[in-house]
Amino acid sequence: MNFKDVDRIPVVDLEGFIEETIRLWSCQGYPASMRVEDYFGFEIRGMYHGSIDIDFGPIPSFVERTLKSDSEYITRVNRFGYTEKRSKQLPMRSYGYTEFPIGGREDWEEMKRRYGPQDIRRYPKCWGRDLFEHCRESSKPVGLGLVWGPGRGPKGGYGMGVKRFLSTFARDPEMVHDMFSTYADFVIEVTRPVLDEVDLDYVLIDEDGIAYRNGPLVSPGLYREFYLPHVKRVLEFFRDRGVGILGECSSGDIGPLIPLFLEAGYNLLCPLESACGMDAVKLREEYGRRLLLMGNISRQSLMGGKKQVEREFESKVPGLVESGGYIPAVDDIVMPDASFESYRRYIELVKSYRMA
């Protein structure tokens, strides 16, 4: 990420696997008794979660409970207060949120009380000197991962649902500013004790759902007016405390927002979803070293067999890794439609690649 000479490409699992994938692979030769990180030799996993398990969600959380259950589906309330429907046969597959905890100003004022930054429950049980020393001595990158905005961020409409949230730009713009300003204050104060003890290599801010196949959820104009001032304040705080890599993480076509991400202070983009038109080679040509890149290995190529995986790898990885500031990774959660043989071939290509 610093455009310096390296000995190899790191083996990174960026988006993870759903349980059903590993179940299917167990019938295709994968040794079910082994953890995926041990079998594939991942050097970095779970970057979205970071190295220190900080709870950026509501405390107290909402009571997780089942509302309805039949032979096929379960409807439940999650810890963010969202009502969601899931398949029993494929439990990782959500069929969407149906109800949300924030309906207007009064609900938001109540929700604020759940985002107190001083609550000791936000920090891991091992919080203390041993954890700080472990992070200082770690040979792996040390970082933090968080979602921008209360709740599940843009995917849950910041606790309001996407339709209600988008209409709030027009109905009550001051409420949107208050939500983002409050959350910016919250993130700064929650992470301040971490930065007092540990030098972080990176911070990744997950905004999954801010863009989809056809483009961003919000226009560049709305992002500039409502997001930029608050995101920029948070990123400046991290940069002032010595964090060198500040990542924006969202699937979808985020292209129209990239100039604003740079203005806010981001310098890393991931996972660069190929199916939505993101192309790391073109991004490097357009933005040069201003952008660090991670991901962009098409999940769809894993569905097409070993030869397609090889073509995908050769079309992107050699040129990008030679120029620096790029780490390859599959650009989406690995689903059962990706064969074990294809994924294993991708890992072989990463491990066997020799730097010039």
Foldseek 3Di string as FASTA:
>chain_A
DPQDDDWAFAAEAEAAAAPVQLVLQVVVDDVNVDDPCVVLVHPYYDVQAFDWRFDQAFVVFDDWDWDDDDPFWTWIQDRLRWTWIATPVRRVDTPDTDDFQDADDVSVVVRLVRLDLVDPVRGDPPPDDVSLVCQAPDPDAGEHHEEQAYDNACRQLRRHRNVSNVCCCVVPVVVLQVRLQSSLVSVLSNCVVVLVRHQHQEYEYERENQAALAGGSDALVCCVVRPQVSLLVNLVSSVVSPHDAYEYEYDAPHPRCVVSCLVSPHAEYDDQAVSSPGDPVVVCVVPPNSHQYEEPQYLVLLLVDQVSSVVSCVVHPPVDVLSDRYHYYHRHHNYNSRHPRNVSSNSVCRRPDGHD
